[in-house]
Amino acid sequence: MNGQPDYNRVWPGADPASALASTPEYVMMAQVVEEMRVRQVFASIDIHNNTGLNPHYGCVNALQPEFLHLATLFSHTVVYFLRPRGVQSAAFAKICPSTTVECGKPGDAAAVAHADGFVDAALHLDHFPSKSIATQDINLFHTVAVVKIPDTTTFHVGDGHADLQLDAAIGHMNFREIEAGTGFGRVAPGTSMPLVARDEQGKDVTSQYFEVCDGELRITRRTMPSMLTLDEQIIRQDCLCYLMERMNLPAA
């Protein structure tokens, strides 16, 4: 809801400069993590829905075998990320294996069953394998940038009068490797770059991934988007998408 803190960003580890770090919710979540530290919790699972056409996948903030084993218990597709900060899985990663599982759009009975089966399987674990996960058992990706549309930029999905007219077909790009030159939408005459991409350190890397050419917003390198959505409110409140690259398993 507008005006409400994002409960996916108020866990310990949130950017200290963020207004979220001073909210009652942040204080409460810190207390939850400390209580679980005392209890020596076995694992942390954060179950999410999303608004785009995304497959079911797991997310981790650490690459140790136990984290990857937990995530692949849900899906062979796993995303390693360091941003955004203040998420539950990152907060719990300091005390136990943790994962966030993305279960697609709300209201999908198959997604509910998938999440239920995953939780049940996790509850029957008594340990995590210490050996590295087999290469064939995981498709591992690394989030390299988050893409946002500045508040000063007007945008619209499909045809309309705005600084940026997003192509309504972009929702089908999620978890597909797209080539350099792929278009994201049209840019109004006289409008400069209408979005901002930042890497894991918060550095502006827009020019490494996007260009405006002949009035079209294009990607400049091979990459794989995730979380692309056509929901304009979600885009404004959170982001347009994340950009990912395939990564190899860490050496044992």
Protein backbone atom coordinates (compact mmCIF):
# COMPACT_ATOMS: atom_id res chain seq x y z
CA MET A 1 0.00 0.00 0.00
CA ASN A 2 1.12 3.56 -0.65
CA GLY A 3 2.76 5.06 2.43
CA GLN A 4 3.35 1.68 4.07
CA PRO A 5 6.91 0.42 4.62
CA ASP A 6 7.92 -2.36 2.25
CA TYR A 7 8.00 -5.42 4.49
CA ASN A 8 10.48 -7.02 2.10
CA ARG A 9 13.01 -4.27 2.89
CA VAL A 10 12.76 -3.74 6.67
CA TRP A 11 14.94 -6.60 7.91
CA PRO A 12 18.39 -6.12 9.48
CA GLY A 13 20.84 -5.09 6.79
CA ALA A 14 18.64 -2.36 5.31
CA ASP A 15 20.55 0.66 4.11
CA PRO A 16 21.19 2.77 7.26
CA ALA A 17 20.49 5.90 5.22
CA SER A 18 17.07 4.58 4.24
CA ALA A 19 13.98 5.82 6.04
CA LEU A 20 13.03 2.15 6.49
CA ALA A 21 15.90 1.65 8.96
CA SER A 22 14.18 3.90 11.51
CA THR A 23 10.69 2.37 11.35
CA PRO A 24 9.01 0.32 14.11
CA GLU A 25 8.85 -2.54 11.61
CA TYR A 26 12.64 -2.56 11.29
CA VAL A 27 13.02 -2.70 15.08
CA MET A 28 10.54 -5.58 15.25
CA MET A 29 12.27 -7.58 12.52
CA ALA A 30 15.62 -7.13 14.26
CA GLN A 31 14.06 -8.57 17.40
CA VAL A 32 12.72 -11.54 15.41
CA VAL A 33 16.16 -12.30 13.96
CA GLU A 34 17.82 -12.04 17.37
CA GLU A 35 15.25 -14.38 18.91
CA MET A 36 15.85 -16.90 16.14
CA ARG A 37 19.61 -16.57 16.69
CA VAL A 38 19.11 -17.53 20.33
CA ARG A 39 16.95 -20.49 19.29
CA GLN A 40 19.62 -21.62 16.79
CA VAL A 41 17.09 -21.83 13.99
CA PHE A 42 17.74 -24.54 11.38
CA ALA A 43 16.72 -22.65 8.22
CA SER A 44 14.82 -19.60 7.00
CA ILE A 45 12.28 -19.67 4.16
CA ASP A 46 10.66 -16.52 2.78
CA ILE A 47 7.72 -17.28 0.45
CA HIS A 48 6.88 -14.68 -2.19
CA ASN A 49 4.42 -14.05 -4.99
CA ASN A 50 5.17 -11.61 -7.80
CA THR A 51 3.30 -9.81 -10.56
CA GLY A 52 5.20 -10.80 -13.71
CA LEU A 53 5.47 -13.89 -15.89
CA ASN A 54 8.26 -15.51 -13.90
CA PRO A 55 8.99 -19.21 -13.37
CA HIS A 56 9.17 -20.59 -9.85
CA TYR A 57 12.70 -20.11 -8.54
CA GLY A 58 14.76 -19.79 -5.39
CA CYS A 59 17.00 -16.92 -4.30
CA VAL A 60 20.04 -16.96 -2.03
CA ASN A 61 22.42 -14.38 -0.59
CA ALA A 62 25.27 -16.81 0.01
CA LEU A 63 26.81 -19.55 -2.13
CA GLN A 64 27.70 -22.12 0.52
CA PRO A 65 26.44 -25.63 -0.30
CA GLU A 66 23.74 -25.65 2.38
CA PHE A 67 22.13 -22.52 0.95
CA LEU A 68 22.11 -23.98 -2.56
CA HIS A 69 20.77 -27.32 -1.36
CA LEU A 70 17.91 -25.56 0.42
CA ALA A 71 17.04 -23.42 -2.62
CA THR A 72 17.16 -26.34 -5.08
CA LEU A 73 14.79 -28.27 -2.88
CA PHE A 74 12.26 -25.79 -4.32
CA SER A 75 13.62 -25.26 -7.86
CA HIS A 76 16.70 -25.99 -9.96
CA THR A 77 16.62 -22.32 -10.98
CA VAL A 78 18.44 -20.26 -8.34
CA VAL A 79 19.34 -16.56 -8.29
CA TYR A 80 22.19 -15.20 -6.19
CA PHE A 81 21.77 -11.54 -5.23
CA LEU A 82 23.16 -8.94 -2.82
CA ARG A 83 20.66 -6.14 -3.52
CA PRO A 84 18.09 -5.05 -2.56
CA ARG A 85 19.15 -4.80 1.05
CA GLY A 86 16.92 -5.35 4.05
CA VAL A 87 15.43 -8.66 2.87
CA GLN A 88 14.65 -11.59 5.15
CA SER A 89 16.94 -14.10 3.46
CA ALA A 90 19.97 -11.81 3.79
CA ALA A 91 19.22 -11.09 7.45
CA PHE A 92 18.95 -14.80 8.28
CA ALA A 93 21.93 -15.77 6.11
CA LYS A 94 24.13 -14.64 8.99
CA ILE A 95 22.71 -17.31 11.31
CA CYS A 96 21.41 -20.19 9.16
CA PRO A 97 20.84 -21.36 5.57
CA SER A 98 18.15 -19.19 4.03
CA THR A 99 16.25 -18.76 0.80
CA THR A 100 13.50 -16.70 -0.75
CA VAL A 101 11.23 -18.69 -3.05
CA GLU A 102 9.31 -16.95 -5.82
CA CYS A 103 6.02 -18.72 -6.48
CA GLY A 104 4.56 -16.78 -9.38
CA LYS A 105 1.33 -14.83 -9.35
CA PRO A 106 -1.13 -14.96 -6.42
CA GLY A 107 -4.13 -17.24 -6.69
CA ASP A 108 -2.42 -20.10 -8.52
CA ALA A 109 -3.37 -23.37 -6.82
CA ALA A 110 -0.37 -25.17 -8.34
CA ALA A 111 1.95 -22.53 -6.85
CA VAL A 112 0.36 -22.99 -3.42
CA ALA A 113 0.88 -26.74 -3.69
CA HIS A 114 4.49 -26.25 -4.79
CA ALA A 115 5.25 -23.99 -1.82
CA ASP A 116 3.46 -26.35 0.55
CA GLY A 117 5.43 -29.32 -0.71
CA PHE A 118 8.69 -27.41 -0.37
CA VAL A 119 8.01 -26.41 3.23
CA ASP A 120 7.01 -29.98 4.07
CA ALA A 121 10.22 -31.32 2.53
CA ALA A 122 12.31 -28.77 4.44
CA LEU A 123 10.60 -29.72 7.71
CA HIS A 124 11.71 -33.32 7.18
CA LEU A 125 15.39 -32.40 6.86
CA ASP A 126 17.70 -33.14 9.77
CA HIS A 127 20.83 -31.76 8.11
CA PHE A 128 22.10 -30.20 4.89
CA PRO A 129 24.66 -32.01 2.71
CA SER A 130 28.11 -30.54 3.16
CA LYS A 131 29.29 -31.47 -0.34
CA SER A 132 28.82 -29.12 -3.25
CA ILE A 133 25.66 -29.41 -5.27
CA ALA A 134 26.02 -31.20 -8.61
CA THR A 135 26.27 -28.92 -11.64
CA GLN A 136 23.38 -30.66 -13.40
CA ASP A 137 21.11 -30.02 -10.41
CA ILE A 138 21.17 -26.23 -10.58
CA ASN A 139 20.79 -23.35 -13.03
CA LEU A 140 22.55 -20.54 -11.21
CA PHE A 141 22.19 -16.85 -12.05
CA HIS A 142 23.65 -13.70 -10.57
CA THR A 143 21.71 -10.45 -10.32
CA VAL A 144 24.02 -7.77 -11.73
CA ALA A 145 21.73 -4.74 -11.81
CA VAL A 146 18.37 -3.40 -10.70
CA VAL A 147 16.55 -1.16 -13.16
CA LYS A 148 14.27 1.65 -11.98
CA ILE A 149 12.34 4.46 -13.62
CA PRO A 150 13.01 7.79 -11.86
CA ASP A 151 10.06 9.61 -10.31
CA THR A 152 10.68 12.47 -12.71
CA THR A 153 10.12 10.23 -15.74
CA THR A 154 6.57 9.59 -16.94
CA PHE A 155 5.90 6.17 -18.41
CA HIS A 156 3.11 4.03 -19.73
CA VAL A 157 2.81 0.40 -20.76
CA GLY A 158 1.77 0.28 -24.40
CA ASP A 159 0.70 3.25 -26.46
CA GLY A 160 0.24 6.53 -24.63
CA HIS A 161 1.67 9.98 -24.09
CA ALA A 162 4.69 9.62 -21.78
CA ASP A 163 8.46 10.01 -21.67
CA LEU A 164 8.73 6.22 -21.96
CA GLN A 165 6.25 3.92 -23.66
CA LEU A 166 7.11 0.40 -22.53
CA ASP A 167 6.50 -2.40 -24.99
CA ALA A 168 3.63 -4.55 -23.70
CA ALA A 169 5.56 -7.66 -24.81
CA ILE A 170 8.43 -7.17 -22.36
CA GLY A 171 6.71 -9.34 -19.76
CA HIS A 172 7.61 -12.39 -21.84
CA MET A 173 11.35 -11.65 -21.56
CA ASN A 174 11.63 -12.84 -17.96
CA PHE A 175 14.26 -15.58 -17.56
CA ARG A 176 15.04 -15.51 -21.26
CA GLU A 177 18.48 -14.50 -22.46
CA ILE A 178 17.95 -11.52 -24.73
CA GLU A 179 20.47 -10.24 -27.23
CA ALA A 180 21.98 -6.78 -27.60
CA GLY A 181 19.64 -4.55 -29.58
CA THR A 182 16.43 -5.92 -28.06
CA GLY A 183 13.92 -3.11 -27.60
CA PHE A 184 12.14 -2.28 -24.36
CA GLY A 185 9.97 0.57 -25.63
CA ARG A 186 9.81 3.99 -27.26
CA VAL A 187 11.27 7.21 -25.85
CA ALA A 188 9.58 10.55 -26.48
CA PRO A 189 11.54 13.11 -28.52
CA GLY A 190 13.72 15.30 -26.33
CA THR A 191 13.72 12.77 -23.47
CA SER A 192 17.08 11.64 -22.13
CA MET A 193 17.74 8.13 -20.82
CA PRO A 194 14.41 7.32 -19.06
CA LEU A 195 15.65 4.75 -16.56
CA VAL A 196 18.55 4.00 -14.22
CA ALA A 197 20.38 0.71 -13.70
CA ARG A 198 22.53 0.25 -10.59
CA ASP A 199 24.87 -2.62 -9.75
CA GLU A 200 25.33 -4.42 -6.43
CA GLN A 201 27.40 -1.56 -5.04
CA GLY A 202 24.79 1.01 -6.04
CA LYS A 203 26.92 2.32 -8.91
CA ASP A 204 25.11 3.74 -11.92
CA VAL A 205 25.73 1.25 -14.75
CA THR A 206 22.93 2.40 -17.07
CA SER A 207 25.25 3.06 -20.00
CA GLN A 208 26.59 -0.51 -19.76
CA TYR A 209 23.16 -1.99 -20.40
CA PHE A 210 20.91 0.52 -22.18
CA GLU A 211 20.92 3.04 -25.00
CA VAL A 212 18.36 5.18 -26.81
CA CYS A 213 18.70 4.79 -30.57
CA ASP A 214 16.27 6.24 -33.12
CA GLY A 215 13.76 6.83 -30.36
CA GLU A 216 13.90 3.24 -29.09
CA LEU A 217 15.14 2.10 -25.68
CA ARG A 218 17.41 -0.89 -26.31
CA ILE A 219 19.53 -3.29 -24.30
CA THR A 220 23.21 -3.11 -25.30
CA ARG A 221 24.50 -6.50 -24.16
CA ARG A 222 23.30 -10.05 -23.78
CA THR A 223 21.49 -10.39 -20.47
CA MET A 224 18.53 -12.06 -18.78
CA PRO A 225 15.78 -9.95 -17.18
CA SER A 226 13.65 -11.06 -14.26
CA MET A 227 10.67 -9.57 -12.47
CA LEU A 228 9.60 -7.54 -15.49
CA THR A 229 5.99 -6.57 -14.86
CA LEU A 230 3.32 -4.60 -16.69
CA ASP A 231 1.83 -3.37 -13.41
CA GLU A 232 2.62 0.34 -13.48
CA GLN A 233 2.07 0.77 -9.74
CA ILE A 234 4.57 -2.00 -8.94
CA ILE A 235 7.07 -0.53 -11.38
CA ARG A 236 6.79 2.85 -9.68
CA GLN A 237 6.89 1.48 -6.13
CA ASP A 238 9.66 -1.07 -6.65
CA CYS A 239 11.46 -1.42 -9.97
CA LEU A 240 11.05 -2.23 -13.65
CA CYS A 241 13.19 -5.36 -13.49
CA TYR A 242 16.45 -6.99 -12.49
CA LEU A 243 19.19 -7.99 -14.93
CA MET A 244 20.99 -11.29 -14.47
CA GLU A 245 23.87 -13.27 -15.90
CA ARG A 246 24.63 -16.96 -15.68
CA MET A 247 27.32 -17.87 -13.18
CA ASN A 248 29.34 -20.97 -12.40
CA LEU A 249 29.20 -22.79 -9.12
CA PRO A 250 31.95 -21.68 -6.72
CA ALA A 251 34.97 -23.94 -6.57
CA ALA A 252 34.74 -26.57 -3.85
